[in-house]
Amino acid sequence: MESVLERGDKGVFDVTVDGRRVFSKHEAGRFPEEAEILALLPR
């Protein structure tokens, strides 16, 4: 699995896996915890 950082603007922080957004800072109102993101990744 490969990760890529894409520059956003206006405080956008989304985590996308295989073209599907799995976390949105805007929707959650906070940054994710590392373990939270790892749990969302396919195994």
N, C-alpha and C. Protein backbone atom coordinates (compact mmCIF):
# COMPACT_ATOMS: atom_id res chain seq x y z
N MET A 1 0.86 -1.16 0.00
CA MET A 1 0.00 0.00 0.00
C MET A 1 0.91 1.23 0.00
N GLU A 2 0.51 2.23 -0.74
CA GLU A 2 1.30 3.44 -0.86
C GLU A 2 0.49 4.63 -0.37
N SER A 3 1.15 5.56 0.28
CA SER A 3 0.46 6.78 0.70
C SER A 3 1.01 7.96 -0.10
N VAL A 4 0.14 8.91 -0.36
CA VAL A 4 0.51 10.10 -1.12
C VAL A 4 -0.08 11.31 -0.41
N LEU A 5 0.74 12.33 -0.21
CA LEU A 5 0.28 13.57 0.38
C LEU A 5 -0.09 14.52 -0.74
N GLU A 6 -1.32 14.97 -0.73
CA GLU A 6 -1.77 15.93 -1.72
C GLU A 6 -2.07 17.24 -1.01
N ARG A 7 -1.52 18.30 -1.51
CA ARG A 7 -1.70 19.62 -0.90
C ARG A 7 -3.15 20.06 -1.03
N GLY A 8 -3.74 20.50 0.08
CA GLY A 8 -5.10 21.01 0.10
C GLY A 8 -5.08 22.49 0.42
N ASP A 9 -6.24 23.05 0.63
CA ASP A 9 -6.31 24.45 1.02
C ASP A 9 -7.47 24.64 2.00
N LYS A 10 -7.47 25.76 2.65
CA LYS A 10 -8.55 26.14 3.57
C LYS A 10 -8.75 25.14 4.71
N GLY A 11 -7.66 24.51 5.18
CA GLY A 11 -7.76 23.61 6.32
C GLY A 11 -8.34 22.24 6.02
N VAL A 12 -8.47 21.91 4.74
CA VAL A 12 -9.01 20.60 4.36
C VAL A 12 -8.01 19.51 4.74
N PHE A 13 -8.50 18.48 5.41
CA PHE A 13 -7.68 17.30 5.74
C PHE A 13 -8.57 16.10 5.57
N ASP A 14 -8.42 15.41 4.44
CA ASP A 14 -9.18 14.20 4.15
C ASP A 14 -8.21 13.04 4.00
N VAL A 15 -8.62 11.87 4.42
CA VAL A 15 -7.84 10.66 4.21
C VAL A 15 -8.63 9.82 3.21
N THR A 16 -7.98 9.49 2.09
CA THR A 16 -8.62 8.73 1.03
C THR A 16 -7.87 7.43 0.81
N VAL A 17 -8.59 6.33 0.72
CA VAL A 17 -8.00 5.01 0.49
C VAL A 17 -8.66 4.42 -0.74
N ASP A 18 -7.85 4.08 -1.72
CA ASP A 18 -8.35 3.49 -2.97
C ASP A 18 -9.49 4.32 -3.56
N GLY A 19 -9.33 5.64 -3.54
CA GLY A 19 -10.32 6.52 -4.14
C GLY A 19 -11.55 6.78 -3.29
N ARG A 20 -11.58 6.25 -2.08
CA ARG A 20 -12.75 6.41 -1.19
C ARG A 20 -12.33 7.19 0.06
N ARG A 21 -13.02 8.27 0.36
CA ARG A 21 -12.70 9.07 1.54
C ARG A 21 -13.13 8.30 2.78
N VAL A 22 -12.17 8.08 3.68
CA VAL A 22 -12.46 7.35 4.91
C VAL A 22 -12.47 8.24 6.14
N PHE A 23 -11.93 9.46 6.00
CA PHE A 23 -11.97 10.41 7.11
C PHE A 23 -11.95 11.82 6.56
N SER A 24 -12.76 12.69 7.15
CA SER A 24 -12.80 14.10 6.78
C SER A 24 -12.71 14.94 8.05
N LYS A 25 -11.68 15.77 8.15
CA LYS A 25 -11.55 16.67 9.30
C LYS A 25 -12.75 17.62 9.35
N HIS A 26 -13.19 18.07 8.21
CA HIS A 26 -14.33 18.98 8.16
C HIS A 26 -15.59 18.34 8.76
N GLU A 27 -15.86 17.10 8.38
CA GLU A 27 -17.05 16.41 8.89
C GLU A 27 -16.92 16.05 10.37
N ALA A 28 -15.71 15.61 10.77
CA ALA A 28 -15.50 15.18 12.16
C ALA A 28 -15.25 16.35 13.11
N GLY A 29 -14.77 17.47 12.55
CA GLY A 29 -14.47 18.63 13.39
C GLY A 29 -13.17 18.50 14.16
N ARG A 30 -12.31 17.57 13.73
CA ARG A 30 -11.05 17.34 14.44
C ARG A 30 -10.11 16.55 13.54
N PHE A 31 -8.83 16.51 13.93
CA PHE A 31 -7.88 15.65 13.24
C PHE A 31 -8.04 14.23 13.76
N PRO A 32 -7.75 13.24 12.93
CA PRO A 32 -7.86 11.85 13.39
C PRO A 32 -6.67 11.43 14.24
N GLU A 33 -6.87 10.45 15.06
CA GLU A 33 -5.77 9.81 15.79
C GLU A 33 -5.11 8.81 14.85
N GLU A 34 -3.83 8.56 15.04
CA GLU A 34 -3.10 7.64 14.16
C GLU A 34 -3.74 6.25 14.16
N ALA A 35 -4.07 5.73 15.33
CA ALA A 35 -4.67 4.40 15.42
C ALA A 35 -6.02 4.35 14.70
N GLU A 36 -6.74 5.44 14.73
CA GLU A 36 -8.04 5.52 14.06
C GLU A 36 -7.87 5.35 12.55
N ILE A 37 -6.88 6.00 11.99
CA ILE A 37 -6.63 5.89 10.54
C ILE A 37 -6.14 4.49 10.20
N LEU A 38 -5.25 3.95 11.01
CA LEU A 38 -4.75 2.61 10.74
C LEU A 38 -5.87 1.59 10.75
N ALA A 39 -6.85 1.77 11.63
CA ALA A 39 -7.98 0.85 11.71
C ALA A 39 -8.87 0.93 10.47
N LEU A 40 -8.82 2.05 9.75
CA LEU A 40 -9.65 2.23 8.56
C LEU A 40 -9.01 1.67 7.28
N LEU A 41 -7.72 1.32 7.36
CA LEU A 41 -7.02 0.82 6.19
C LEU A 41 -7.36 -0.64 5.93
N PRO A 42 -7.47 -1.00 4.64
CA PRO A 42 -7.74 -2.42 4.33
C PRO A 42 -6.56 -3.29 4.75
N ARG A 43 -6.86 -4.50 5.12
CA ARG A 43 -5.79 -5.43 5.56
C ARG A 43 -5.58 -6.51 4.55
